[in-house]
């Protein structure tokens, strides 16, 4: 059985001279309200071990190569978006509704928003069922879940609610908890993963753990050619977790809280500590994104899920939905200020 040592920080030493500190910590060691007011050095535990970061493929990148990779991958993603399941307005799983907002339970395999090609989406079904003050369905959207992720999604029905919900998300005054099955045996009851994320120029448009070397590889690239997002600074990214159950010897059921809410954060963080989400065809075993969240296998904890185990699990769940679910969401109503909290069980 493999376990996940989330109780110690990890010092990520670059192959080049610069050193970057990343952390894997007990959840009780921090609170979001305190993190922003304490000096960074006071947030770390004292023990540290050294691991190697994945070397950049080349320190001299071609903008044309990045563009070509991005174009090819975007074509694949657009093709996949066309497979979004159609959902009728009457078929919506409505968790809560009032004149200002609606909270829905999105099934896996359905896009949150339709995209450029007007694919079937939860947004369209919500607009057809509830309508909205502006008469524009895009003005209902305040956040999204990935097509493969099931769970709770909020839609705004009035302009005031849209502004209020956007403010709540921007100021991180919304608490979202996820449930996931991950490969391998996570031994600690609680913990956190604190790894900065960046766009992956080797596998655009996906994300990866940011390292000094990979950041230096971007120097000199033209944002007009590769896009501004590709050249954004690393994003601090924090995921808290608690073990909910050991679902047999090969997988663990985790409760996950994306404190920072970055793109694909849960997927990358789980992969980067050797416990990818079960059924993750992008960041999991043999996926299209960088393996191990962009880190070398030698940089993973000793007790991470072995490649053989990850492959066996990937083979067993091939063609089935990814096992990650937006289980609960808590926030103050954007108009009344009432405290609201909703929860729905995972389908796996």
C-alpha atoms as a PDB file:
ATOM      1  CA  UNK A   1       0.000   0.000   0.000  1.00  0.00           C
ATOM      2  CA  UNK A   2       1.195   3.486  -0.780  1.00  0.00           C
ATOM      3  CA  UNK A   3       0.621   6.550   1.383  1.00  0.00           C
ATOM      4  CA  UNK A   4       0.961  10.281   0.974  1.00  0.00           C
ATOM      5  CA  UNK A   5       3.242  12.128   3.459  1.00  0.00           C
ATOM      6  CA  UNK A   6       1.427  15.452   3.568  1.00  0.00           C
ATOM      7  CA  UNK A   7       2.932  16.422   6.923  1.00  0.00           C
ATOM      8  CA  UNK A   8       6.185  17.919   5.782  1.00  0.00           C
ATOM      9  CA  UNK A   9       7.183  20.749   3.425  1.00  0.00           C
ATOM     10  CA  UNK A  10       9.140  19.819   0.344  1.00  0.00           C
ATOM     11  CA  UNK A  11      12.080  21.847  -0.907  1.00  0.00           C
ATOM     12  CA  UNK A  12      12.084  21.803  -4.660  1.00  0.00           C
ATOM     13  CA  UNK A  13      15.684  22.314  -5.805  1.00  0.00           C
ATOM     14  CA  UNK A  14      16.129  23.299  -9.427  1.00  0.00           C
ATOM     15  CA  UNK A  15      18.764  21.729 -11.623  1.00  0.00           C
ATOM     16  CA  UNK A  16      19.883  25.304 -12.159  1.00  0.00           C
ATOM     17  CA  UNK A  17      21.065  27.352  -9.146  1.00  0.00           C
ATOM     18  CA  UNK A  18      17.745  28.964  -8.213  1.00  0.00           C
ATOM     19  CA  UNK A  19      15.710  27.212  -5.521  1.00  0.00           C
ATOM     20  CA  UNK A  20      11.947  27.323  -5.030  1.00  0.00           C
ATOM     21  CA  UNK A  21      10.099  26.319  -1.872  1.00  0.00           C
ATOM     22  CA  UNK A  22       6.872  24.354  -2.146  1.00  0.00           C
ATOM     23  CA  UNK A  23       4.909  22.968   0.762  1.00  0.00           C
ATOM     24  CA  UNK A  24       2.902  19.945   1.742  1.00  0.00           C
ATOM     25  CA  UNK A  25       1.434  20.642   5.163  1.00  0.00           C
ATOM     26  CA  UNK A  26      -1.112  19.622   7.755  1.00  0.00           C
ATOM     27  CA  UNK A  27      -4.398  21.430   7.170  1.00  0.00           C
ATOM     28  CA  UNK A  28      -4.495  22.534  10.806  1.00  0.00           C
ATOM     29  CA  UNK A  29      -1.278  24.502  10.302  1.00  0.00           C
ATOM     30  CA  UNK A  30      -2.995  27.345   8.507  1.00  0.00           C
ATOM     31  CA  UNK A  31      -6.229  29.268   8.072  1.00  0.00           C
ATOM     32  CA  UNK A  32      -6.960  31.298   4.922  1.00  0.00           C
ATOM     33  CA  UNK A  33      -7.778  34.411   6.972  1.00  0.00           C
ATOM     34  CA  UNK A  34      -4.383  34.243   8.644  1.00  0.00           C
ATOM     35  CA  UNK A  35      -2.265  33.398   5.602  1.00  0.00           C
ATOM     36  CA  UNK A  36      -2.699  36.808   4.004  1.00  0.00           C
ATOM     37  CA  UNK A  37      -1.534  38.643   7.132  1.00  0.00           C
ATOM     38  CA  UNK A  38       1.506  36.610   8.085  1.00  0.00           C
ATOM     39  CA  UNK A  39       5.006  36.859   6.604  1.00  0.00           C
ATOM     40  CA  UNK A  40       5.509  34.042   4.115  1.00  0.00           C
ATOM     41  CA  UNK A  41       8.376  32.555   6.133  1.00  0.00           C
ATOM     42  CA  UNK A  42       6.087  32.094   9.143  1.00  0.00           C
ATOM     43  CA  UNK A  43       3.761  29.845   7.176  1.00  0.00           C
ATOM     44  CA  UNK A  44       6.228  26.966   6.781  1.00  0.00           C
ATOM     45  CA  UNK A  45       7.045  23.960   8.862  1.00  0.00           C
ATOM     46  CA  UNK A  46      10.747  23.543   9.599  1.00  0.00           C
ATOM     47  CA  UNK A  47      11.483  20.070   8.237  1.00  0.00           C
ATOM     48  CA  UNK A  48      12.375  19.845   4.573  1.00  0.00           C
ATOM     49  CA  UNK A  49      13.587  17.265   2.109  1.00  0.00           C
ATOM     50  CA  UNK A  50      14.989  17.857  -1.356  1.00  0.00           C
ATOM     51  CA  UNK A  51      13.438  16.618  -4.583  1.00  0.00           C
ATOM     52  CA  UNK A  52      14.245  17.318  -8.210  1.00  0.00           C
ATOM     53  CA  UNK A  53      12.051  19.298 -10.558  1.00  0.00           C
ATOM     54  CA  UNK A  54      11.431  18.197 -14.104  1.00  0.00           C
ATOM     55  CA  UNK A  55      13.917  19.827 -16.495  1.00  0.00           C
ATOM     56  CA  UNK A  56      12.579  22.040 -19.230  1.00  0.00           C
ATOM     57  CA  UNK A  57      12.742  20.364 -22.607  1.00  0.00           C
ATOM     58  CA  UNK A  58      14.545  23.378 -24.018  1.00  0.00           C
ATOM     59  CA  UNK A  59      15.554  26.758 -22.710  1.00  0.00           C
ATOM     60  CA  UNK A  60      15.106  28.133 -26.230  1.00  0.00           C
ATOM     61  CA  UNK A  61      11.485  27.843 -27.250  1.00  0.00           C
ATOM     62  CA  UNK A  62       9.951  28.408 -30.627  1.00  0.00           C
ATOM     63  CA  UNK A  63       6.786  30.491 -30.628  1.00  0.00           C
ATOM     64  CA  UNK A  64       5.692  28.702 -33.774  1.00  0.00           C
ATOM     65  CA  UNK A  65       6.009  25.306 -32.070  1.00  0.00           C
ATOM     66  CA  UNK A  66       3.900  26.470 -29.123  1.00  0.00           C
ATOM     67  CA  UNK A  67       1.303  27.911 -31.483  1.00  0.00           C
ATOM     68  CA  UNK A  68       1.156  24.680 -33.477  1.00  0.00           C
ATOM     69  CA  UNK A  69       0.730  22.556 -30.354  1.00  0.00           C
ATOM     70  CA  UNK A  70      -1.950  24.870 -29.005  1.00  0.00           C
ATOM     71  CA  UNK A  71      -3.859  24.916 -32.286  1.00  0.00           C
ATOM     72  CA  UNK A  72      -3.824  21.122 -32.554  1.00  0.00           C
ATOM     73  CA  UNK A  73      -4.929  20.625 -28.958  1.00  0.00           C
ATOM     74  CA  UNK A  74      -7.684  23.230 -29.179  1.00  0.00           C
ATOM     75  CA  UNK A  75      -9.057  21.411 -32.213  1.00  0.00           C
ATOM     76  CA  UNK A  76      -9.214  18.213 -30.140  1.00  0.00           C
ATOM     77  CA  UNK A  77     -10.944  20.007 -27.274  1.00  0.00           C
ATOM     78  CA  UNK A  78     -13.502  21.574 -29.620  1.00  0.00           C
ATOM     79  CA  UNK A  79     -14.231  18.152 -31.055  1.00  0.00           C
ATOM     80  CA  UNK A  80     -14.686  16.788 -27.556  1.00  0.00           C
ATOM     81  CA  UNK A  81     -16.992  19.665 -26.598  1.00  0.00           C
ATOM     82  CA  UNK A  82     -19.306  18.561 -29.386  1.00  0.00           C
ATOM     83  CA  UNK A  83     -19.936  15.350 -27.429  1.00  0.00           C
ATOM     84  CA  UNK A  84     -21.519  17.281 -24.546  1.00  0.00           C
ATOM     85  CA  UNK A  85     -24.734  15.568 -23.479  1.00  0.00           C
ATOM     86  CA  UNK A  86     -27.965  17.362 -24.209  1.00  0.00           C
ATOM     87  CA  UNK A  87     -29.969  18.199 -21.101  1.00  0.00           C
ATOM     88  CA  UNK A  88     -33.547  19.452 -21.161  1.00  0.00           C
ATOM     89  CA  UNK A  89     -34.821  22.297 -18.970  1.00  0.00           C
ATOM     90  CA  UNK A  90     -37.233  19.874 -17.298  1.00  0.00           C
ATOM     91  CA  UNK A  91     -34.387  17.408 -16.702  1.00  0.00           C
ATOM     92  CA  UNK A  92     -32.365  19.798 -14.535  1.00  0.00           C
ATOM     93  CA  UNK A  93     -31.534  18.716 -10.981  1.00  0.00           C
ATOM     94  CA  UNK A  94     -32.521  21.917  -9.158  1.00  0.00           C
ATOM     95  CA  UNK A  95     -31.043  22.147  -5.667  1.00  0.00           C
ATOM     96  CA  UNK A  96     -32.251  25.702  -4.947  1.00  0.00           C
ATOM     97  CA  UNK A  97     -33.920  28.574  -6.762  1.00  0.00           C
ATOM     98  CA  UNK A  98     -35.282  32.040  -6.008  1.00  0.00           C
ATOM     99  CA  UNK A  99     -35.838  35.156  -8.065  1.00  0.00           C
ATOM    100  CA  UNK A 100     -32.111  36.013  -8.081  1.00  0.00           C
ATOM    101  CA  UNK A 101     -30.130  32.757  -8.275  1.00  0.00           C
ATOM    102  CA  UNK A 102     -30.438  29.066  -9.102  1.00  0.00           C
ATOM    103  CA  UNK A 103     -28.207  26.266  -7.800  1.00  0.00           C
ATOM    104  CA  UNK A 104     -28.058  23.164  -9.994  1.00  0.00           C
ATOM    105  CA  UNK A 105     -26.417  19.751  -9.756  1.00  0.00           C
ATOM    106  CA  UNK A 106     -24.540  19.287 -13.032  1.00  0.00           C
ATOM    107  CA  UNK A 107     -24.054  15.743 -14.313  1.00  0.00           C
ATOM    108  CA  UNK A 108     -20.692  14.635 -15.672  1.00  0.00           C
ATOM    109  CA  UNK A 109     -20.359  14.830 -19.453  1.00  0.00           C
ATOM    110  CA  UNK A 110     -22.218  18.146 -19.764  1.00  0.00           C
ATOM    111  CA  UNK A 111     -20.550  21.469 -20.547  1.00  0.00           C
ATOM    112  CA  UNK A 112     -21.275  24.299 -18.125  1.00  0.00           C
ATOM    113  CA  UNK A 113     -21.286  26.831 -20.999  1.00  0.00           C
ATOM    114  CA  UNK A 114     -21.845  26.114 -24.693  1.00  0.00           C
ATOM    115  CA  UNK A 115     -18.646  27.558 -26.158  1.00  0.00           C
ATOM    116  CA  UNK A 116     -18.324  29.152 -29.587  1.00  0.00           C
ATOM    117  CA  UNK A 117     -20.200  26.373 -31.377  1.00  0.00           C
ATOM    118  CA  UNK A 118     -23.355  26.537 -29.221  1.00  0.00           C
ATOM    119  CA  UNK A 119     -22.905  23.002 -27.883  1.00  0.00           C
ATOM    120  CA  UNK A 120     -25.471  21.523 -25.465  1.00  0.00           C
ATOM    121  CA  UNK A 121     -24.830  22.965 -22.015  1.00  0.00           C
ATOM    122  CA  UNK A 122     -26.159  23.433 -18.510  1.00  0.00           C
ATOM    123  CA  UNK A 123     -26.205  27.183 -19.132  1.00  0.00           C
ATOM    124  CA  UNK A 124     -28.608  26.841 -22.067  1.00  0.00           C
ATOM    125  CA  UNK A 125     -30.943  24.531 -20.133  1.00  0.00           C
ATOM    126  CA  UNK A 126     -30.912  26.903 -17.134  1.00  0.00           C
ATOM    127  CA  UNK A 127     -31.678  29.892 -19.369  1.00  0.00           C
ATOM    128  CA  UNK A 128     -34.563  28.062 -21.047  1.00  0.00           C
ATOM    129  CA  UNK A 129     -36.021  27.075 -17.682  1.00  0.00           C
ATOM    130  CA  UNK A 130     -35.457  30.166 -15.532  1.00  0.00           C
ATOM    131  CA  UNK A 131     -34.629  33.029 -17.897  1.00  0.00           C
ATOM    132  CA  UNK A 132     -32.749  36.065 -16.619  1.00  0.00           C
ATOM    133  CA  UNK A 133     -33.218  39.813 -16.332  1.00  0.00           C
ATOM    134  CA  UNK A 134     -30.763  40.707 -19.104  1.00  0.00           C
ATOM    135  CA  UNK A 135     -32.220  38.246 -21.599  1.00  0.00           C
ATOM    136  CA  UNK A 136     -28.696  36.935 -22.276  1.00  0.00           C
ATOM    137  CA  UNK A 137     -27.767  33.485 -21.066  1.00  0.00           C
ATOM    138  CA  UNK A 138     -24.073  34.350 -20.799  1.00  0.00           C
ATOM    139  CA  UNK A 139     -25.047  36.907 -18.138  1.00  0.00           C
ATOM    140  CA  UNK A 140     -26.157  34.036 -15.895  1.00  0.00           C
ATOM    141  CA  UNK A 141     -22.672  32.512 -15.618  1.00  0.00           C
ATOM    142  CA  UNK A 142     -20.645  33.223 -12.475  1.00  0.00           C
ATOM    143  CA  UNK A 143     -18.382  30.130 -12.401  1.00  0.00           C
ATOM    144  CA  UNK A 144     -17.858  26.877 -14.246  1.00  0.00           C
ATOM    145  CA  UNK A 145     -17.125  23.211 -13.759  1.00  0.00           C
ATOM    146  CA  UNK A 146     -15.191  21.162 -16.280  1.00  0.00           C
ATOM    147  CA  UNK A 147     -17.211  18.974 -18.610  1.00  0.00           C
ATOM    148  CA  UNK A 148     -16.122  15.810 -16.764  1.00  0.00           C
ATOM    149  CA  UNK A 149     -16.781  17.235 -13.292  1.00  0.00           C
ATOM    150  CA  UNK A 150     -20.206  16.758 -11.737  1.00  0.00           C
ATOM    151  CA  UNK A 151     -21.720  18.816  -8.947  1.00  0.00           C
ATOM    152  CA  UNK A 152     -23.045  22.170  -7.803  1.00  0.00           C
ATOM    153  CA  UNK A 153     -23.153  25.187 -10.105  1.00  0.00           C
ATOM    154  CA  UNK A 154     -24.688  28.603  -9.346  1.00  0.00           C
ATOM    155  CA  UNK A 155     -26.405  30.716 -12.011  1.00  0.00           C
ATOM    156  CA  UNK A 156     -27.498  34.341 -11.608  1.00  0.00           C
ATOM    157  CA  UNK A 157     -30.975  35.389 -12.723  1.00  0.00           C
ATOM    158  CA  UNK A 158     -30.716  39.148 -12.135  1.00  0.00           C
ATOM    159  CA  UNK A 159     -28.025  41.712 -12.912  1.00  0.00           C
ATOM    160  CA  UNK A 160     -27.624  42.559  -9.240  1.00  0.00           C
ATOM    161  CA  UNK A 161     -27.127  38.890  -8.386  1.00  0.00           C
ATOM    162  CA  UNK A 162     -24.549  38.552 -11.167  1.00  0.00           C
ATOM    163  CA  UNK A 163     -22.543  41.480  -9.798  1.00  0.00           C
ATOM    164  CA  UNK A 164     -22.852  40.178  -6.250  1.00  0.00           C
ATOM    165  CA  UNK A 165     -21.807  36.627  -7.109  1.00  0.00           C
ATOM    166  CA  UNK A 166     -18.852  37.858  -9.167  1.00  0.00           C
ATOM    167  CA  UNK A 167     -17.697  39.867  -6.166  1.00  0.00           C
ATOM    168  CA  UNK A 168     -18.010  36.869  -3.863  1.00  0.00           C
ATOM    169  CA  UNK A 169     -15.918  34.703  -6.180  1.00  0.00           C
ATOM    170  CA  UNK A 170     -13.345  37.430  -6.798  1.00  0.00           C
ATOM    171  CA  UNK A 171     -12.870  38.037  -3.066  1.00  0.00           C
ATOM    172  CA  UNK A 172     -12.883  34.294  -2.288  1.00  0.00           C
ATOM    173  CA  UNK A 173     -15.875  34.500   0.011  1.00  0.00           C
ATOM    174  CA  UNK A 174     -17.326  31.292  -1.369  1.00  0.00           C
ATOM    175  CA  UNK A 175     -16.346  27.902   0.035  1.00  0.00           C
ATOM    176  CA  UNK A 176     -16.442  24.997  -2.386  1.00  0.00           C
ATOM    177  CA  UNK A 177     -15.656  21.427  -1.406  1.00  0.00           C
ATOM    178  CA  UNK A 178     -15.107  18.566  -3.796  1.00  0.00           C
ATOM    179  CA  UNK A 179     -15.078  14.802  -3.433  1.00  0.00           C
ATOM    180  CA  UNK A 180     -12.749  12.631  -5.481  1.00  0.00           C
ATOM    181  CA  UNK A 181     -11.351   9.153  -5.793  1.00  0.00           C
ATOM    182  CA  UNK A 182      -7.574   9.198  -6.252  1.00  0.00           C
ATOM    183  CA  UNK A 183      -5.141   6.461  -7.182  1.00  0.00           C
ATOM    184  CA  UNK A 184      -3.265   4.809  -4.329  1.00  0.00           C
ATOM    185  CA  UNK A 185      -3.438   4.898  -0.568  1.00  0.00           C
ATOM    186  CA  UNK A 186      -3.433   8.320   1.105  1.00  0.00           C
ATOM    187  CA  UNK A 187      -2.332   7.624   4.660  1.00  0.00           C
ATOM    188  CA  UNK A 188      -2.798  11.002   6.386  1.00  0.00           C
ATOM    189  CA  UNK A 189      -6.230  12.075   7.583  1.00  0.00           C
ATOM    190  CA  UNK A 190      -5.800  15.760   6.650  1.00  0.00           C
ATOM    191  CA  UNK A 191      -3.285  17.916   4.862  1.00  0.00           C
ATOM    192  CA  UNK A 192      -2.656  20.475   2.156  1.00  0.00           C
ATOM    193  CA  UNK A 193      -0.855  20.770  -1.168  1.00  0.00           C
ATOM    194  CA  UNK A 194       0.728  24.158  -1.857  1.00  0.00           C
ATOM    195  CA  UNK A 195       2.280  24.188  -5.345  1.00  0.00           C
ATOM    196  CA  UNK A 196       2.356  27.172  -7.742  1.00  0.00           C
ATOM    197  CA  UNK A 197       0.839  26.608 -11.182  1.00  0.00           C
ATOM    198  CA  UNK A 198       1.662  27.904 -14.654  1.00  0.00           C
ATOM    199  CA  UNK A 199       0.534  27.305 -18.212  1.00  0.00           C
ATOM    200  CA  UNK A 200       2.386  24.398 -19.780  1.00  0.00           C
ATOM    201  CA  UNK A 201       4.117  25.541 -22.949  1.00  0.00           C
ATOM    202  CA  UNK A 202       5.021  21.913 -23.733  1.00  0.00           C
ATOM    203  CA  UNK A 203       1.387  20.780 -23.522  1.00  0.00           C
ATOM    204  CA  UNK A 204      -0.766  23.876 -24.126  1.00  0.00           C
ATOM    205  CA  UNK A 205      -3.384  24.859 -23.035  1.00  0.00           C
ATOM    206  CA  UNK A 206      -2.982  22.680 -19.935  1.00  0.00           C
ATOM    207  CA  UNK A 207      -1.440  23.567 -16.579  1.00  0.00           C
ATOM    208  CA  UNK A 208       1.594  22.266 -14.676  1.00  0.00           C
ATOM    209  CA  UNK A 209       3.518  22.897 -11.475  1.00  0.00           C
ATOM    210  CA  UNK A 210       5.647  25.995 -11.993  1.00  0.00           C
ATOM    211  CA  UNK A 211       9.419  25.749 -11.558  1.00  0.00           C
ATOM    212  CA  UNK A 212      12.116  28.396 -11.881  1.00  0.00           C
ATOM    213  CA  UNK A 213      13.611  26.634 -14.880  1.00  0.00           C
ATOM    214  CA  UNK A 214      10.336  26.453 -16.759  1.00  0.00           C
ATOM    215  CA  UNK A 215       9.699  30.109 -16.004  1.00  0.00           C
ATOM    216  CA  UNK A 216      13.115  31.072 -17.370  1.00  0.00           C
ATOM    217  CA  UNK A 217      12.340  29.128 -20.530  1.00  0.00           C
ATOM    218  CA  UNK A 218       9.605  31.669 -21.305  1.00  0.00           C
ATOM    219  CA  UNK A 219      11.975  34.638 -21.367  1.00  0.00           C
ATOM    220  CA  UNK A 220      12.028  36.339 -24.755  1.00  0.00           C
ATOM    221  CA  UNK A 221       8.750  34.915 -26.046  1.00  0.00           C
ATOM    222  CA  UNK A 222       6.352  37.398 -27.626  1.00  0.00           C
ATOM    223  CA  UNK A 223       2.917  37.540 -25.905  1.00  0.00           C
ATOM    224  CA  UNK A 224       1.369  38.553 -29.222  1.00  0.00           C
ATOM    225  CA  UNK A 225       2.552  35.251 -30.666  1.00  0.00           C
ATOM    226  CA  UNK A 226       2.030  32.783 -27.809  1.00  0.00           C
ATOM    227  CA  UNK A 227      -0.720  34.611 -25.910  1.00  0.00           C
ATOM    228  CA  UNK A 228      -0.588  36.573 -22.666  1.00  0.00           C
ATOM    229  CA  UNK A 229      -1.877  33.660 -20.577  1.00  0.00           C
ATOM    230  CA  UNK A 230       1.130  31.565 -21.530  1.00  0.00           C
ATOM    231  CA  UNK A 231       3.448  34.200 -20.059  1.00  0.00           C
ATOM    232  CA  UNK A 232       1.549  34.915 -16.850  1.00  0.00           C
ATOM    233  CA  UNK A 233       3.497  34.758 -13.594  1.00  0.00           C
ATOM    234  CA  UNK A 234       3.154  31.580 -11.496  1.00  0.00           C
ATOM    235  CA  UNK A 235      -0.077  31.421  -9.533  1.00  0.00           C
ATOM    236  CA  UNK A 236       0.050  30.511  -5.837  1.00  0.00           C
ATOM    237  CA  UNK A 237      -2.247  27.507  -5.520  1.00  0.00           C
ATOM    238  CA  UNK A 238      -3.434  25.828  -2.344  1.00  0.00           C
ATOM    239  CA  UNK A 239      -5.525  22.670  -1.993  1.00  0.00           C
ATOM    240  CA  UNK A 240      -6.667  21.354   1.385  1.00  0.00           C
ATOM    241  CA  UNK A 241      -7.720  17.733   1.719  1.00  0.00           C
ATOM    242  CA  UNK A 242      -9.202  15.317   4.197  1.00  0.00           C
ATOM    243  CA  UNK A 243      -9.406  11.594   3.786  1.00  0.00           C
ATOM    244  CA  UNK A 244     -12.983  10.390   3.802  1.00  0.00           C
ATOM    245  CA  UNK A 245     -12.497   6.701   3.165  1.00  0.00           C
ATOM    246  CA  UNK A 246     -10.194   4.049   1.729  1.00  0.00           C
ATOM    247  CA  UNK A 247     -12.340   2.623  -1.047  1.00  0.00           C
ATOM    248  CA  UNK A 248     -10.476  -0.658  -1.213  1.00  0.00           C
ATOM    249  CA  UNK A 249      -6.715  -1.032  -1.313  1.00  0.00           C
ATOM    250  CA  UNK A 250      -6.146   0.723  -4.647  1.00  0.00           C
ATOM    251  CA  UNK A 251      -7.972   4.068  -4.310  1.00  0.00           C
ATOM    252  CA  UNK A 252      -8.721   6.660  -1.646  1.00  0.00           C
ATOM    253  CA  UNK A 253     -11.779   8.875  -1.302  1.00  0.00           C
ATOM    254  CA  UNK A 254     -10.793  12.463  -0.501  1.00  0.00           C
ATOM    255  CA  UNK A 255     -12.605  15.661   0.359  1.00  0.00           C
ATOM    256  CA  UNK A 256     -10.800  18.489  -1.482  1.00  0.00           C
ATOM    257  CA  UNK A 257     -11.028  22.253  -0.991  1.00  0.00           C
ATOM    258  CA  UNK A 258      -9.584  24.442  -3.735  1.00  0.00           C
ATOM    259  CA  UNK A 259      -8.670  27.463  -1.603  1.00  0.00           C
ATOM    260  CA  UNK A 260      -7.199  29.430  -4.501  1.00  0.00           C
ATOM    261  CA  UNK A 261      -9.510  28.147  -7.250  1.00  0.00           C
ATOM    262  CA  UNK A 262      -6.989  27.965 -10.115  1.00  0.00           C
ATOM    263  CA  UNK A 263      -7.683  26.358 -13.474  1.00  0.00           C
ATOM    264  CA  UNK A 264      -7.358  22.542 -13.216  1.00  0.00           C
ATOM    265  CA  UNK A 265      -5.833  22.991  -9.762  1.00  0.00           C
ATOM    266  CA  UNK A 266      -7.211  19.818  -8.177  1.00  0.00           C
ATOM    267  CA  UNK A 267      -6.172  17.689 -11.154  1.00  0.00           C
ATOM    268  CA  UNK A 268      -2.605  19.018 -11.258  1.00  0.00           C
ATOM    269  CA  UNK A 269      -2.088  18.952  -7.490  1.00  0.00           C
ATOM    270  CA  UNK A 270      -3.283  15.362  -7.127  1.00  0.00           C
ATOM    271  CA  UNK A 271      -1.109  14.244 -10.050  1.00  0.00           C
ATOM    272  CA  UNK A 272       1.905  16.166  -8.708  1.00  0.00           C
ATOM    273  CA  UNK A 273       1.912  14.168  -5.468  1.00  0.00           C
ATOM    274  CA  UNK A 274       1.503  10.849  -7.259  1.00  0.00           C
ATOM    275  CA  UNK A 275      -2.218  10.348  -6.633  1.00  0.00           C
ATOM    276  CA  UNK A 276      -4.029  11.399  -9.835  1.00  0.00           C
ATOM    277  CA  UNK A 277      -7.816  11.513  -9.850  1.00  0.00           C
ATOM    278  CA  UNK A 278      -9.373   8.250 -10.993  1.00  0.00           C
ATOM    279  CA  UNK A 279     -10.555   8.541 -14.586  1.00  0.00           C
ATOM    280  CA  UNK A 280      -8.571  11.729 -15.319  1.00  0.00           C
ATOM    281  CA  UNK A 281      -7.635  11.269 -18.974  1.00  0.00           C
ATOM    282  CA  UNK A 282      -5.756  14.576 -19.136  1.00  0.00           C
ATOM    283  CA  UNK A 283      -3.580  14.719 -16.008  1.00  0.00           C
ATOM    284  CA  UNK A 284      -3.717  11.035 -15.070  1.00  0.00           C
ATOM    285  CA  UNK A 285      -1.789   8.043 -16.417  1.00  0.00           C
ATOM    286  CA  UNK A 286      -1.044   8.391 -20.143  1.00  0.00           C
ATOM    287  CA  UNK A 287      -2.897  11.707 -20.292  1.00  0.00           C
ATOM    288  CA  UNK A 288      -2.384  14.575 -22.694  1.00  0.00           C
ATOM    289  CA  UNK A 289      -0.928  16.925 -20.062  1.00  0.00           C
ATOM    290  CA  UNK A 290       2.528  16.608 -18.522  1.00  0.00           C
ATOM    291  CA  UNK A 291       2.872  13.516 -16.335  1.00  0.00           C
ATOM    292  CA  UNK A 292       3.002  13.986 -12.550  1.00  0.00           C
ATOM    293  CA  UNK A 293       1.829  17.580 -12.856  1.00  0.00           C
ATOM    294  CA  UNK A 294       5.076  18.378 -14.681  1.00  0.00           C
ATOM    295  CA  UNK A 295       7.443  16.901 -12.094  1.00  0.00           C
ATOM    296  CA  UNK A 296       9.865  14.028 -12.593  1.00  0.00           C
ATOM    297  CA  UNK A 297       8.835  10.664 -11.188  1.00  0.00           C
ATOM    298  CA  UNK A 298      11.878  10.861  -8.915  1.00  0.00           C
ATOM    299  CA  UNK A 299      10.403  14.026  -7.359  1.00  0.00           C
ATOM    300  CA  UNK A 300       7.270  12.232  -6.145  1.00  0.00           C
ATOM    301  CA  UNK A 301       6.828  10.969  -2.564  1.00  0.00           C
ATOM    302  CA  UNK A 302       8.010   7.403  -1.957  1.00  0.00           C
ATOM    303  CA  UNK A 303       4.485   6.244  -1.285  1.00  0.00           C
ATOM    304  CA  UNK A 304       2.844   7.702  -4.395  1.00  0.00           C
ATOM    305  CA  UNK A 305       0.766   5.362  -6.530  1.00  0.00           C
ATOM    306  CA  UNK A 306       3.049   3.301  -8.759  1.00  0.00           C
ATOM    307  CA  UNK A 307       2.831   3.649 -12.542  1.00  0.00           C
ATOM    308  CA  UNK A 308       1.633   0.040 -12.747  1.00  0.00           C
ATOM    309  CA  UNK A 309      -1.195   0.720 -10.297  1.00  0.00           C
ATOM    310  CA  UNK A 310      -2.147   3.935 -12.103  1.00  0.00           C
ATOM    311  CA  UNK A 311      -2.231   2.056 -15.414  1.00  0.00           C
ATOM    312  CA  UNK A 312      -4.365  -0.764 -13.986  1.00  0.00           C
ATOM    313  CA  UNK A 313      -6.861   1.759 -12.610  1.00  0.00           C
ATOM    314  CA  UNK A 314      -6.875   3.756 -15.877  1.00  0.00           C
ATOM    315  CA  UNK A 315      -7.583   0.564 -17.832  1.00  0.00           C
ATOM    316  CA  UNK A 316     -10.357  -0.457 -15.431  1.00  0.00           C
ATOM    317  CA  UNK A 317     -12.234   2.853 -15.695  1.00  0.00           C
ATOM    318  CA  UNK A 318     -11.575   3.616 -19.377  1.00  0.00           C
ATOM    319  CA  UNK A 319     -14.596   5.305 -20.917  1.00  0.00           C
ATOM    320  CA  UNK A 320     -16.185   6.032 -17.544  1.00  0.00           C
ATOM    321  CA  UNK A 321     -16.654   9.511 -15.990  1.00  0.00           C
ATOM    322  CA  UNK A 322     -13.823  11.083 -14.014  1.00  0.00           C
ATOM    323  CA  UNK A 323     -14.328  10.640 -10.266  1.00  0.00           C
ATOM    324  CA  UNK A 324     -14.441  14.251  -9.061  1.00  0.00           C
ATOM    325  CA  UNK A 325     -17.593  15.984  -7.833  1.00  0.00           C
ATOM    326  CA  UNK A 326     -18.339  19.511  -6.582  1.00  0.00           C
ATOM    327  CA  UNK A 327     -20.021  18.294  -3.405  1.00  0.00           C
ATOM    328  CA  UNK A 328     -20.846  21.437  -1.426  1.00  0.00           C
ATOM    329  CA  UNK A 329     -20.912  25.209  -1.728  1.00  0.00           C
ATOM    330  CA  UNK A 330     -21.418  27.875   0.952  1.00  0.00           C
ATOM    331  CA  UNK A 331     -21.833  31.639   0.516  1.00  0.00           C
ATOM    332  CA  UNK A 332     -23.886  34.674   1.482  1.00  0.00           C
ATOM    333  CA  UNK A 333     -26.831  35.382  -0.762  1.00  0.00           C
ATOM    334  CA  UNK A 334     -25.781  38.236  -3.102  1.00  0.00           C
ATOM    335  CA  UNK A 335     -28.962  40.220  -2.407  1.00  0.00           C
ATOM    336  CA  UNK A 336     -30.337  39.267   1.015  1.00  0.00           C
ATOM    337  CA  UNK A 337     -27.031  38.464   2.676  1.00  0.00           C
ATOM    338  CA  UNK A 338     -28.476  35.244   4.111  1.00  0.00           C
ATOM    339  CA  UNK A 339     -25.936  32.483   4.682  1.00  0.00           C
ATOM    340  CA  UNK A 340     -26.585  29.605   2.304  1.00  0.00           C
ATOM    341  CA  UNK A 341     -25.028  26.154   2.163  1.00  0.00           C
ATOM    342  CA  UNK A 342     -25.851  23.346  -0.239  1.00  0.00           C
ATOM    343  CA  UNK A 343     -24.617  19.792  -0.621  1.00  0.00           C
ATOM    344  CA  UNK A 344     -25.240  16.919  -3.014  1.00  0.00           C
ATOM    345  CA  UNK A 345     -23.822  13.404  -2.935  1.00  0.00           C
ATOM    346  CA  UNK A 346     -21.191  12.200  -5.399  1.00  0.00           C
ATOM    347  CA  UNK A 347     -22.428   9.791  -8.080  1.00  0.00           C
ATOM    348  CA  UNK A 348     -19.460   7.440  -7.595  1.00  0.00           C
END
